[in-house]
C-alpha atoms as a PDB file:
ATOM      1  CA  MET A   1     -29.777  77.186 -27.120  1.00  0.00           C
ATOM      2  CA  SER A   2     -30.397  76.121 -30.753  1.00  0.00           C
ATOM      3  CA  LEU A   3     -31.547  72.418 -31.088  1.00  0.00           C
ATOM      4  CA  PHE A   4     -28.809  71.458 -32.540  1.00  0.00           C
ATOM      5  CA  ASP A   5     -26.715  72.341 -29.272  1.00  0.00           C
ATOM      6  CA  TRP A   6     -28.620  70.651 -27.381  1.00  0.00           C
ATOM      7  CA  PHE A   7     -27.896  67.207 -29.500  1.00  0.00           C
ATOM      8  CA  ALA A   8     -24.880  67.962 -29.091  1.00  0.00           C
ATOM      9  CA  ASN A   9     -24.627  68.023 -25.261  1.00  0.00           C
ATOM     10  CA  ARG A  10     -26.622  65.373 -24.698  1.00  0.00           C
ATOM     11  CA  ARG A  11     -24.496  62.995 -27.200  1.00  0.00           C
ATOM     12  CA  LYS A  12     -21.715  63.953 -24.773  1.00  0.00           C
ATOM     13  CA  SER A  13     -23.062  63.364 -21.728  1.00  0.00           C
ATOM     14  CA  VAL A  14     -24.037  60.095 -22.682  1.00  0.00           C
ATOM     15  CA  PRO A  15     -20.497  57.562 -22.088  1.00  0.00           C
ATOM     16  CA  ASN A  16     -19.901  55.429 -25.176  1.00  0.00           C
ATOM     17  CA  SER A  17     -21.143  51.980 -24.574  1.00  0.00           C
ATOM     18  CA  GLN A  18     -17.011  50.847 -25.967  1.00  0.00           C
ATOM     19  CA  GLU A  19     -15.822  53.313 -23.315  1.00  0.00           C
ATOM     20  CA  ARG A  20     -17.609  51.595 -20.109  1.00  0.00           C
ATOM     21  CA  PRO A  21     -15.656  48.795 -18.564  1.00  0.00           C
ATOM     22  CA  GLU A  22     -16.880  45.724 -18.658  1.00  0.00           C
ATOM     23  CA  ARG A  23     -18.228  43.547 -15.584  1.00  0.00           C
ATOM     24  CA  GLU A  24     -16.413  41.701 -13.363  1.00  0.00           C
ATOM     25  CA  ILE A  25     -16.812  38.126 -12.589  1.00  0.00           C
ATOM     26  CA  ALA A  26     -15.963  37.346  -9.337  1.00  0.00           C
ATOM     27  CA  ASP A  27     -12.589  34.798  -9.975  1.00  0.00           C
ATOM     28  CA  GLY A  28     -14.088  31.333  -8.814  1.00  0.00           C
ATOM     29  CA  LEU A  29     -17.970  31.999  -9.189  1.00  0.00           C
ATOM     30  CA  TRP A  30     -18.598  30.027 -12.035  1.00  0.00           C
ATOM     31  CA  ASN A  31     -17.065  26.782 -13.661  1.00  0.00           C
ATOM     32  CA  LYS A  32     -17.091  25.606 -16.879  1.00  0.00           C
ATOM     33  CA  CYS A  33     -17.097  21.990 -17.718  1.00  0.00           C
ATOM     34  CA  GLU A  34     -13.761  20.876 -19.728  1.00  0.00           C
ATOM     35  CA  ALA A  35     -16.138  17.820 -21.221  1.00  0.00           C
ATOM     36  CA  CYS A  36     -19.494  19.539 -22.471  1.00  0.00           C
ATOM     37  CA  GLY A  37     -18.575  23.213 -22.024  1.00  0.00           C
ATOM     38  CA  ALA A  38     -21.305  23.758 -19.370  1.00  0.00           C
ATOM     39  CA  LEU A  39     -21.199  26.345 -16.710  1.00  0.00           C
ATOM     40  CA  SER A  40     -22.027  26.159 -13.770  1.00  0.00           C
ATOM     41  CA  TYR A  41     -22.209  27.534 -10.451  1.00  0.00           C
ATOM     42  CA  THR A  42     -19.298  26.963  -8.834  1.00  0.00           C
ATOM     43  CA  LYS A  43     -21.272  26.721  -4.735  1.00  0.00           C
ATOM     44  CA  ASP A  44     -23.387  24.635  -6.603  1.00  0.00           C
ATOM     45  CA  LEU A  45     -21.242  22.436  -8.373  1.00  0.00           C
ATOM     46  CA  ARG A  46     -19.147  21.849  -4.547  1.00  0.00           C
ATOM     47  CA  ALA A  47     -22.691  21.063  -3.721  1.00  0.00           C
ATOM     48  CA  ASN A  48     -22.529  17.963  -5.716  1.00  0.00           C
ATOM     49  CA  GLN A  49     -19.193  16.950  -5.732  1.00  0.00           C
ATOM     50  CA  MET A  50     -17.324  18.528  -8.400  1.00  0.00           C
ATOM     51  CA  VAL A  51     -19.459  16.461 -10.533  1.00  0.00           C
ATOM     52  CA  CYS A  52     -21.395  18.460 -13.108  1.00  0.00           C
ATOM     53  CA  LEU A  53     -24.618  18.706 -13.099  1.00  0.00           C
ATOM     54  CA  GLU A  54     -25.365  18.558 -16.851  1.00  0.00           C
ATOM     55  CA  CYS A  55     -22.756  16.033 -18.323  1.00  0.00           C
ATOM     56  CA  GLY A  56     -22.030  13.956 -14.936  1.00  0.00           C
ATOM     57  CA  HIS A  57     -18.012  14.382 -15.599  1.00  0.00           C
ATOM     58  CA  HIS A  58     -15.747  14.111 -12.725  1.00  0.00           C
ATOM     59  CA  ILE A  59     -14.144  17.239 -12.322  1.00  0.00           C
ATOM     60  CA  ARG A  60     -10.550  16.511 -10.264  1.00  0.00           C
ATOM     61  CA  VAL A  61     -10.804  16.466  -6.851  1.00  0.00           C
ATOM     62  CA  TYR A  62      -7.752  16.960  -3.839  1.00  0.00           C
ATOM     63  CA  SER A  63      -7.269  15.106  -1.061  1.00  0.00           C
ATOM     64  CA  ASP A  64      -8.185  18.032   0.754  1.00  0.00           C
ATOM     65  CA  ASP A  65     -11.535  17.589  -0.930  1.00  0.00           C
ATOM     66  CA  ARG A  66     -11.565  14.105  -1.175  1.00  0.00           C
ATOM     67  CA  ILE A  67     -11.096  13.706   3.089  1.00  0.00           C
ATOM     68  CA  GLU A  68     -14.186  16.655   3.052  1.00  0.00           C
ATOM     69  CA  GLN A  69     -16.118  14.347   1.212  1.00  0.00           C
ATOM     70  CA  LEU A  70     -15.533  11.187   2.489  1.00  0.00           C
ATOM     71  CA  ILE A  71     -14.960  11.501   6.362  1.00  0.00           C
ATOM     72  CA  ASP A  72     -17.694  12.336   9.115  1.00  0.00           C
ATOM     73  CA  PRO A  73     -17.170  16.313  10.333  1.00  0.00           C
ATOM     74  CA  ASN A  74     -14.627  16.625  12.600  1.00  0.00           C
ATOM     75  CA  THR A  75     -13.782  13.082  12.997  1.00  0.00           C
ATOM     76  CA  TRP A  76     -10.028  13.215  10.505  1.00  0.00           C
ATOM     77  CA  VAL A  77      -7.162  12.437  13.498  1.00  0.00           C
ATOM     78  CA  PRO A  78      -3.989  12.931  10.397  1.00  0.00           C
ATOM     79  CA  LEU A  79      -1.396   9.995  10.790  1.00  0.00           C
ATOM     80  CA  ASN A  80       2.251  10.575  10.156  1.00  0.00           C
ATOM     81  CA  GLU A  81       2.150  14.080   9.258  1.00  0.00           C
ATOM     82  CA  GLY A  82       5.835  15.381   9.455  1.00  0.00           C
ATOM     83  CA  LEU A  83       7.754  12.867   6.785  1.00  0.00           C
ATOM     84  CA  HIS A  84       8.949  14.259   4.501  1.00  0.00           C
ATOM     85  CA  ALA A  85      10.825  13.320   1.026  1.00  0.00           C
ATOM     86  CA  THR A  86      14.947  13.937   0.672  1.00  0.00           C
ATOM     87  CA  ASP A  87      17.051  13.409  -2.142  1.00  0.00           C
ATOM     88  CA  PRO A  88      19.496  10.518  -1.702  1.00  0.00           C
ATOM     89  CA  LEU A  89      20.345  10.457  -5.559  1.00  0.00           C
ATOM     90  CA  LYS A  90      20.708  13.632  -5.675  1.00  0.00           C
ATOM     91  CA  PHE A  91      18.566  14.130  -9.372  1.00  0.00           C
ATOM     92  CA  ARG A  92      18.707  16.755 -11.685  1.00  0.00           C
ATOM     93  CA  ASP A  93      16.681  17.517 -14.986  1.00  0.00           C
ATOM     94  CA  ARG A  94      15.909  20.410 -15.971  1.00  0.00           C
ATOM     95  CA  LYS A  95      16.259  21.331 -11.906  1.00  0.00           C
ATOM     96  CA  LYS A  96      17.459  19.991  -8.355  1.00  0.00           C
ATOM     97  CA  TYR A  97      14.820  17.129  -7.084  1.00  0.00           C
ATOM     98  CA  SER A  98      15.660  19.315  -4.355  1.00  0.00           C
ATOM     99  CA  ASP A  99      14.068  21.996  -5.311  1.00  0.00           C
ATOM    100  CA  ARG A 100      11.230  20.627  -7.033  1.00  0.00           C
ATOM    101  CA  LEU A 101       9.815  19.083  -3.619  1.00  0.00           C
ATOM    102  CA  ARG A 102      10.381  22.585  -2.235  1.00  0.00           C
ATOM    103  CA  GLU A 103       8.040  23.804  -4.964  1.00  0.00           C
ATOM    104  CA  PHE A 104       5.666  21.965  -4.851  1.00  0.00           C
ATOM    105  CA  GLN A 105       5.463  21.998  -1.415  1.00  0.00           C
ATOM    106  CA  GLU A 106       4.295  25.350  -1.074  1.00  0.00           C
ATOM    107  CA  LYS A 107       2.195  25.527  -4.295  1.00  0.00           C
ATOM    108  CA  THR A 108       0.406  22.464  -2.794  1.00  0.00           C
ATOM    109  CA  GLY A 109       0.543  22.772   0.981  1.00  0.00           C
ATOM    110  CA  HIS A 110       1.163  19.576   1.596  1.00  0.00           C
ATOM    111  CA  LEU A 111       4.833  17.580   2.354  1.00  0.00           C
ATOM    112  CA  ASP A 112       4.288  15.139   0.199  1.00  0.00           C
ATOM    113  CA  ALA A 113       2.061  12.993  -2.175  1.00  0.00           C
ATOM    114  CA  VAL A 114      -0.595  11.187   0.423  1.00  0.00           C
ATOM    115  CA  GLU A 115      -2.804  12.055   3.401  1.00  0.00           C
ATOM    116  CA  THR A 116      -3.247   9.156   5.710  1.00  0.00           C
ATOM    117  CA  GLY A 117      -5.009   9.818   8.576  1.00  0.00           C
ATOM    118  CA  THR A 118      -8.067   8.090  10.812  1.00  0.00           C
ATOM    119  CA  GLY A 119     -11.740   9.217  11.153  1.00  0.00           C
ATOM    120  CA  LYS A 120     -15.328   7.887  10.684  1.00  0.00           C
ATOM    121  CA  LEU A 121     -17.253   7.756   7.146  1.00  0.00           C
ATOM    122  CA  GLU A 122     -21.070   6.792   7.984  1.00  0.00           C
ATOM    123  CA  ASN A 123     -20.139   6.470  11.468  1.00  0.00           C
ATOM    124  CA  LEU A 124     -17.835   3.668  11.165  1.00  0.00           C
ATOM    125  CA  PRO A 125     -14.284   3.613  12.025  1.00  0.00           C
ATOM    126  CA  VAL A 126     -11.447   3.787   8.742  1.00  0.00           C
ATOM    127  CA  ALA A 127      -8.023   4.158   7.739  1.00  0.00           C
ATOM    128  CA  LEU A 128      -7.980   5.969   4.512  1.00  0.00           C
ATOM    129  CA  GLY A 129      -5.413   7.415   2.123  1.00  0.00           C
ATOM    130  CA  VAL A 130      -5.724  10.013   0.149  1.00  0.00           C
ATOM    131  CA  MET A 131      -3.226  10.481  -2.905  1.00  0.00           C
ATOM    132  CA  GLU A 132      -2.445  14.194  -3.780  1.00  0.00           C
ATOM    133  CA  PHE A 133      -2.582  14.545  -7.399  1.00  0.00           C
ATOM    134  CA  GLN A 134      -1.122  18.391  -7.253  1.00  0.00           C
ATOM    135  CA  PHE A 135       2.014  16.704  -5.889  1.00  0.00           C
ATOM    136  CA  ILE A 136       3.870  15.712  -9.141  1.00  0.00           C
ATOM    137  CA  GLY A 137       1.010  14.129 -10.524  1.00  0.00           C
ATOM    138  CA  GLY A 138       0.997  12.232  -7.426  1.00  0.00           C
ATOM    139  CA  SER A 139       3.893  10.474  -8.099  1.00  0.00           C
ATOM    140  CA  MET A 140       5.210   7.522  -5.708  1.00  0.00           C
ATOM    141  CA  GLY A 141       8.233   8.435  -3.701  1.00  0.00           C
ATOM    142  CA  SER A 142       9.715   6.946  -0.597  1.00  0.00           C
ATOM    143  CA  VAL A 143       7.644   9.164   1.765  1.00  0.00           C
ATOM    144  CA  VAL A 144       4.332   7.667  -0.199  1.00  0.00           C
ATOM    145  CA  GLY A 145       5.082   4.009   0.258  1.00  0.00           C
ATOM    146  CA  GLU A 146       6.580   5.085   3.739  1.00  0.00           C
ATOM    147  CA  LYS A 147       3.101   7.213   4.690  1.00  0.00           C
ATOM    148  CA  LEU A 148       0.666   4.207   3.315  1.00  0.00           C
ATOM    149  CA  THR A 149       2.642   1.538   4.484  1.00  0.00           C
ATOM    150  CA  ARG A 150       2.349   3.022   8.004  1.00  0.00           C
ATOM    151  CA  LEU A 151      -1.640   3.235   7.650  1.00  0.00           C
ATOM    152  CA  ILE A 152      -1.985  -0.080   6.504  1.00  0.00           C
ATOM    153  CA  GLU A 153       0.021  -1.201   9.817  1.00  0.00           C
ATOM    154  CA  HIS A 154      -1.936   1.304  11.891  1.00  0.00           C
ATOM    155  CA  ALA A 155      -5.401  -0.009  10.320  1.00  0.00           C
ATOM    156  CA  THR A 156      -4.267  -4.013  10.800  1.00  0.00           C
ATOM    157  CA  ARG A 157      -3.279  -3.104  15.036  1.00  0.00           C
ATOM    158  CA  GLU A 158      -6.604  -1.148  15.090  1.00  0.00           C
ATOM    159  CA  ARG A 159      -8.597  -3.520  13.171  1.00  0.00           C
ATOM    160  CA  LEU A 160      -9.448  -0.953  11.187  1.00  0.00           C
ATOM    161  CA  PRO A 161     -11.198  -1.482   6.996  1.00  0.00           C
ATOM    162  CA  ALA A 162      -8.920   0.744   4.727  1.00  0.00           C
ATOM    163  CA  ILE A 163      -9.211   2.813   2.161  1.00  0.00           C
ATOM    164  CA  VAL A 164      -6.663   4.430  -0.119  1.00  0.00           C
ATOM    165  CA  VAL A 165      -7.875   6.714  -3.378  1.00  0.00           C
ATOM    166  CA  CYS A 166      -5.557   6.401  -5.953  1.00  0.00           C
ATOM    167  CA  ALA A 167      -5.163   9.015  -8.695  1.00  0.00           C
ATOM    168  CA  SER A 168      -1.231   8.696  -9.621  1.00  0.00           C
ATOM    169  CA  GLY A 169       1.088   8.927 -12.393  1.00  0.00           C
ATOM    170  CA  GLY A 170       2.964   5.804 -10.558  1.00  0.00           C
ATOM    171  CA  ALA A 171       6.670   6.207  -9.388  1.00  0.00           C
ATOM    172  CA  ARG A 172       8.120   9.083  -9.388  1.00  0.00           C
ATOM    173  CA  MET A 173      11.265   8.477 -10.917  1.00  0.00           C
ATOM    174  CA  GLN A 174      13.769  11.152  -9.289  1.00  0.00           C
ATOM    175  CA  GLU A 175      14.103   8.124  -6.166  1.00  0.00           C
ATOM    176  CA  GLY A 176      15.097   5.813  -9.223  1.00  0.00           C
ATOM    177  CA  MET A 177      14.900   2.198  -7.277  1.00  0.00           C
ATOM    178  CA  LEU A 178      14.021   4.372  -4.413  1.00  0.00           C
ATOM    179  CA  SER A 179      10.738   4.481  -5.656  1.00  0.00           C
ATOM    180  CA  LEU A 180       9.535   1.012  -7.437  1.00  0.00           C
ATOM    181  CA  MET A 181      10.781  -0.475  -3.536  1.00  0.00           C
ATOM    182  CA  GLN A 182       7.457   0.608  -1.989  1.00  0.00           C
ATOM    183  CA  MET A 183       5.152  -1.159  -4.336  1.00  0.00           C
ATOM    184  CA  ALA A 184       6.560  -3.980  -2.819  1.00  0.00           C
ATOM    185  CA  LYS A 185       6.642  -2.940   0.645  1.00  0.00           C
ATOM    186  CA  ILE A 186       2.869  -1.856   1.066  1.00  0.00           C
ATOM    187  CA  SER A 187       1.642  -4.988  -0.547  1.00  0.00           C
ATOM    188  CA  GLY A 188       3.600  -6.935   1.634  1.00  0.00           C
ATOM    189  CA  ALA A 189       1.729  -4.407   4.266  1.00  0.00           C
ATOM    190  CA  LEU A 190      -1.829  -5.119   2.327  1.00  0.00           C
ATOM    191  CA  GLU A 191      -1.140  -9.083   2.624  1.00  0.00           C
ATOM    192  CA  ARG A 192      -1.021  -9.154   6.538  1.00  0.00           C
ATOM    193  CA  HIS A 193      -4.096  -6.938   6.716  1.00  0.00           C
ATOM    194  CA  ARG A 194      -5.257  -9.529   4.718  1.00  0.00           C
ATOM    195  CA  GLU A 195      -4.523 -12.810   7.102  1.00  0.00           C
ATOM    196  CA  ALA A 196      -6.029 -10.534   9.698  1.00  0.00           C
ATOM    197  CA  ARG A 197      -9.143 -11.042   7.554  1.00  0.00           C
ATOM    198  CA  LEU A 198      -9.645  -6.841   7.758  1.00  0.00           C
ATOM    199  CA  LEU A 199     -10.899  -5.266   4.422  1.00  0.00           C
ATOM    200  CA  TYR A 200      -9.410  -3.115   1.523  1.00  0.00           C
ATOM    201  CA  ILE A 201     -10.847  -0.999  -0.578  1.00  0.00           C
ATOM    202  CA  PRO A 202      -8.960   1.308  -3.553  1.00  0.00           C
ATOM    203  CA  ILE A 203     -10.920   3.406  -5.006  1.00  0.00           C
ATOM    204  CA  LEU A 204      -9.747   4.924  -8.463  1.00  0.00           C
ATOM    205  CA  THR A 205      -9.717   7.863 -10.253  1.00  0.00           C
ATOM    206  CA  HIS A 206      -7.877  10.186 -12.650  1.00  0.00           C
ATOM    207  CA  PRO A 207      -5.707   8.172 -13.373  1.00  0.00           C
ATOM    208  CA  THR A 208      -4.876   5.457 -11.349  1.00  0.00           C
ATOM    209  CA  THR A 209      -1.579   4.362 -14.151  1.00  0.00           C
ATOM    210  CA  GLY A 210       2.190   2.858 -13.364  1.00  0.00           C
ATOM    211  CA  GLY A 211       3.180   0.953 -10.340  1.00  0.00           C
ATOM    212  CA  VAL A 212       0.431   2.513  -8.692  1.00  0.00           C
ATOM    213  CA  THR A 213      -1.167   0.636 -10.535  1.00  0.00           C
ATOM    214  CA  ALA A 214       0.626  -2.619 -10.132  1.00  0.00           C
ATOM    215  CA  SER A 215       0.606  -2.888  -6.465  1.00  0.00           C
ATOM    216  CA  PHE A 216      -2.362  -1.761  -4.330  1.00  0.00           C
ATOM    217  CA  ALA A 217      -4.353  -0.052  -6.189  1.00  0.00           C
ATOM    218  CA  MET A 218      -5.270  -3.840  -7.970  1.00  0.00           C
ATOM    219  CA  LEU A 219      -4.929  -5.965  -4.141  1.00  0.00           C
ATOM    220  CA  GLY A 220      -8.519  -4.564  -3.095  1.00  0.00           C
ATOM    221  CA  ASP A 221     -10.602  -7.245  -1.835  1.00  0.00           C
ATOM    222  CA  ILE A 222     -13.216  -4.995  -3.454  1.00  0.00           C
ATOM    223  CA  ILE A 223     -12.120  -2.290  -6.215  1.00  0.00           C
ATOM    224  CA  ILE A 224     -13.877   0.702  -6.795  1.00  0.00           C
ATOM    225  CA  ALA A 225     -13.406   3.278  -9.837  1.00  0.00           C
ATOM    226  CA  GLU A 226     -15.354   6.532 -10.322  1.00  0.00           C
ATOM    227  CA  PRO A 227     -16.691   6.449 -13.850  1.00  0.00           C
ATOM    228  CA  LYS A 228     -14.276   7.259 -17.260  1.00  0.00           C
ATOM    229  CA  ALA A 229     -11.565   7.060 -14.681  1.00  0.00           C
ATOM    230  CA  THR A 230      -8.227   6.172 -16.750  1.00  0.00           C
ATOM    231  CA  VAL A 231      -7.031   2.868 -15.352  1.00  0.00           C
ATOM    232  CA  ALA A 232      -3.937   2.136 -17.156  1.00  0.00           C
ATOM    233  CA  PHE A 233      -0.025   0.464 -16.538  1.00  0.00           C
ATOM    234  CA  THR A 234       1.700   2.320 -19.514  1.00  0.00           C
ATOM    235  CA  GLY A 235       0.508   4.524 -21.883  1.00  0.00           C
ATOM    236  CA  GLY A 236      -1.760   3.953 -25.217  1.00  0.00           C
ATOM    237  CA  ARG A 237       0.592   5.404 -27.807  1.00  0.00           C
ATOM    238  CA  VAL A 238       3.680   3.067 -25.670  1.00  0.00           C
ATOM    239  CA  ILE A 239       1.172   0.008 -26.348  1.00  0.00           C
ATOM    240  CA  GLU A 240       0.487   0.584 -29.422  1.00  0.00           C
ATOM    241  CA  GLN A 241       3.325   1.465 -30.667  1.00  0.00           C
ATOM    242  CA  THR A 242       5.164  -1.413 -29.517  1.00  0.00           C
ATOM    243  CA  LEU A 243       2.387  -3.475 -30.864  1.00  0.00           C
ATOM    244  CA  ARG A 244       1.481  -1.964 -33.872  1.00  0.00           C
ATOM    245  CA  GLU A 245      -2.054  -2.260 -33.379  1.00  0.00           C
ATOM    246  CA  LYS A 246      -5.107  -0.044 -32.966  1.00  0.00           C
ATOM    247  CA  LEU A 247      -6.316   0.166 -30.042  1.00  0.00           C
ATOM    248  CA  PRO A 248      -9.880   0.035 -28.421  1.00  0.00           C
ATOM    249  CA  GLU A 249     -11.959   3.527 -27.655  1.00  0.00           C
ATOM    250  CA  ASN A 250     -12.322   3.135 -24.482  1.00  0.00           C
ATOM    251  CA  TYR A 251      -9.547   1.152 -23.769  1.00  0.00           C
ATOM    252  CA  GLN A 252      -7.775   2.154 -20.423  1.00  0.00           C
ATOM    253  CA  THR A 253     -10.660   4.200 -18.668  1.00  0.00           C
ATOM    254  CA  SER A 254     -12.577   2.555 -15.541  1.00  0.00           C
ATOM    255  CA  GLU A 255     -15.987   0.910 -18.107  1.00  0.00           C
ATOM    256  CA  TYR A 256     -13.235  -0.979 -19.780  1.00  0.00           C
ATOM    257  CA  SER A 257     -11.813  -2.485 -17.120  1.00  0.00           C
ATOM    258  CA  PHE A 258     -14.719  -3.061 -15.466  1.00  0.00           C
ATOM    259  CA  ALA A 259     -16.177  -5.040 -18.311  1.00  0.00           C
ATOM    260  CA  HIS A 260     -12.551  -7.537 -18.839  1.00  0.00           C
ATOM    261  CA  GLY A 261     -13.007  -7.703 -14.866  1.00  0.00           C
ATOM    262  CA  PHE A 262     -10.680  -5.924 -12.977  1.00  0.00           C
ATOM    263  CA  VAL A 263     -12.715  -3.345 -11.143  1.00  0.00           C
ATOM    264  CA  ASP A 264     -15.343  -4.623  -9.051  1.00  0.00           C
ATOM    265  CA  LEU A 265     -18.090  -1.808  -9.112  1.00  0.00           C
ATOM    266  CA  ILE A 266     -18.389   1.471 -11.174  1.00  0.00           C
ATOM    267  CA  VAL A 267     -19.649   4.046  -8.562  1.00  0.00           C
ATOM    268  CA  PRO A 268     -20.274   7.649  -9.006  1.00  0.00           C
ATOM    269  CA  ARG A 269     -18.683  10.394  -6.904  1.00  0.00           C
ATOM    270  CA  THR A 270     -22.163  11.047  -4.883  1.00  0.00           C
ATOM    271  CA  GLN A 271     -22.644   7.896  -4.015  1.00  0.00           C
ATOM    272  CA  LEU A 272     -19.633   6.506  -3.586  1.00  0.00           C
ATOM    273  CA  LYS A 273     -19.643   7.495   0.706  1.00  0.00           C
ATOM    274  CA  LYS A 274     -22.938   5.801   0.808  1.00  0.00           C
ATOM    275  CA  THR A 275     -21.875   3.051  -1.277  1.00  0.00           C
ATOM    276  CA  LEU A 276     -18.653   3.191   1.153  1.00  0.00           C
ATOM    277  CA  GLY A 277     -20.514   2.797   4.488  1.00  0.00           C
ATOM    278  CA  GLN A 278     -22.717   0.019   3.501  1.00  0.00           C
ATOM    279  CA  LEU A 279     -19.599  -2.144   2.449  1.00  0.00           C
ATOM    280  CA  ILE A 280     -18.347  -1.540   5.410  1.00  0.00           C
ATOM    281  CA  SER A 281     -21.289  -2.368   7.751  1.00  0.00           C
ATOM    282  CA  LEU A 282     -21.561  -5.784   5.834  1.00  0.00           C
ATOM    283  CA  HIS A 283     -17.724  -6.638   6.435  1.00  0.00           C
ATOM    284  CA  GLN A 284     -17.218  -5.709  10.052  1.00  0.00           C
ATOM    285  CA  PRO A 285     -14.360  -7.904  11.283  1.00  0.00           C
ATOM    286  CA  GLN A 286     -15.538 -10.441  13.764  1.00  0.00           C
ATOM    287  CA  PRO A 287     -14.788 -11.392  17.489  1.00  0.00           C
ATOM    288  CA  PHE A 288     -11.702 -12.182  17.848  1.00  0.00           C
ATOM    289  CA  LEU A 289     -10.926 -16.161  19.141  1.00  0.00           C
ATOM    290  CA  ALA A 290      -7.991 -17.234  22.233  1.00  0.00           C
ATOM    291  CA  GLY A 291      -6.353 -20.354  20.358  1.00  0.00           C
ATOM    292  CA  SER A 292      -7.260 -22.319  23.733  1.00  0.00           C
ATOM    293  CA  GLU A 293     -10.757 -20.829  22.492  1.00  0.00           C
ATOM    294  CA  PHE A 294     -10.712 -22.101  18.995  1.00  0.00           C
ATOM    295  CA  SER A 295      -8.966 -26.026  19.898  1.00  0.00           C
ATOM    296  CA  ALA A 296     -12.345 -26.415  22.798  1.00  0.00           C
ATOM    297  CA  LEU A 297     -14.897 -25.143  20.118  1.00  0.00           C
ATOM    298  CA  GLU A 298     -13.128 -27.067  17.090  1.00  0.00           C
ATOM    299  CA  ALA A 299     -12.765 -30.811  19.290  1.00  0.00           C
ATOM    300  CA  SER A 300     -16.287 -30.362  20.087  1.00  0.00           C
ATOM    301  CA  ASP A 301     -17.617 -29.926  17.146  1.00  0.00           C
ATOM    302  CA  SER A 302     -16.106 -29.197  13.245  1.00  0.00           C
ATOM    303  CA  HIS A 303     -19.484 -26.818  12.833  1.00  0.00           C
ATOM    304  CA  ALA A 304     -19.772 -25.110  16.349  1.00  0.00           C
ATOM    305  CA  LEU A 305     -18.386 -21.728  14.324  1.00  0.00           C
ATOM    306  CA  PRO A 306     -21.442 -19.513  13.112  1.00  0.00           C
ATOM    307  CA  PRO A 307     -20.790 -18.695  10.024  1.00  0.00           C
ATOM    308  CA  GLN A 308     -18.253 -15.526   9.352  1.00  0.00           C
ATOM    309  CA  THR A 309     -16.153 -16.169  12.024  1.00  0.00           C
ATOM    310  CA  HIS A 310     -12.274 -16.629  12.222  1.00  0.00           C
ATOM    311  CA  ALA A 311      -9.801 -17.407  14.179  1.00  0.00           C
ATOM    312  CA  VAL A 312      -7.366 -14.928  13.738  1.00  0.00           C
ATOM    313  CA  LYS A 313      -4.035 -14.590  15.447  1.00  0.00           C
ATOM    314  CA  LEU A 314      -2.283 -11.234  14.834  1.00  0.00           C
ATOM    315  CA  SER A 315       0.819  -9.967  13.650  1.00  0.00           C
ATOM    316  CA  PRO A 316       3.316  -8.531  16.036  1.00  0.00           C
END
């Protein structure tokens, strides 16, 4: 064999680099931040509660993740799981509303756009509602309103603090007036909860808009928002076209809302559970005083009640 033949055979035995199959990266192994473009190992990102390790951007998470992040392990008890929407208006745009509901139920594994239940947060009992943005943009229909109302009424009966994680595009147009009625229904339940001297904390995540913002998202005793979340009622372009004015750059963000007094705290997701635990422990309900006991104390001394003690009469 000549030297030329040896080199020719050698070249044949070496595979062409263009023909080599590219090494595949397992789907979901890495995550690219939409804010800064940094690549993060998904396992590390999940350990940091889906907050970018480079820039602190809060990547959207859904109801199951929220419950896992906030509720102590093995303490979650769901409420009213079987409620699902009907189609009383026989609404149809590009497809029937009933078909759209079925499509999203199969896609998300949820019957509607909110999960509710009770559990322990930092070993403190709470009633928690978490909106599911994957389900028709977290829109508020009759099921969302009913489940949140029942959750708050349960919290009132059991004297629990109530927390609602908001993530919604607003009222669900496919249910018309029935969706708008939920604003008043939830607000009424919250008023009875407030009369019982119990704590309610809404958490505004990206986005919190429309009828949700105009009702229970802004009725909290302490309103918390995640950094750079969109908090709005009407879209910015609609406002600009109506007023014919340019809006500030950070308008409709949680930071703008905080600066103008609409939000009490901006808390990063990684510190949210600890912060909620501190707030709830500071606002534990005081023991109930029966009417006769309260009257006796009041008659003996108008200052006999210790600080932060309230006579509470629960609604039936």
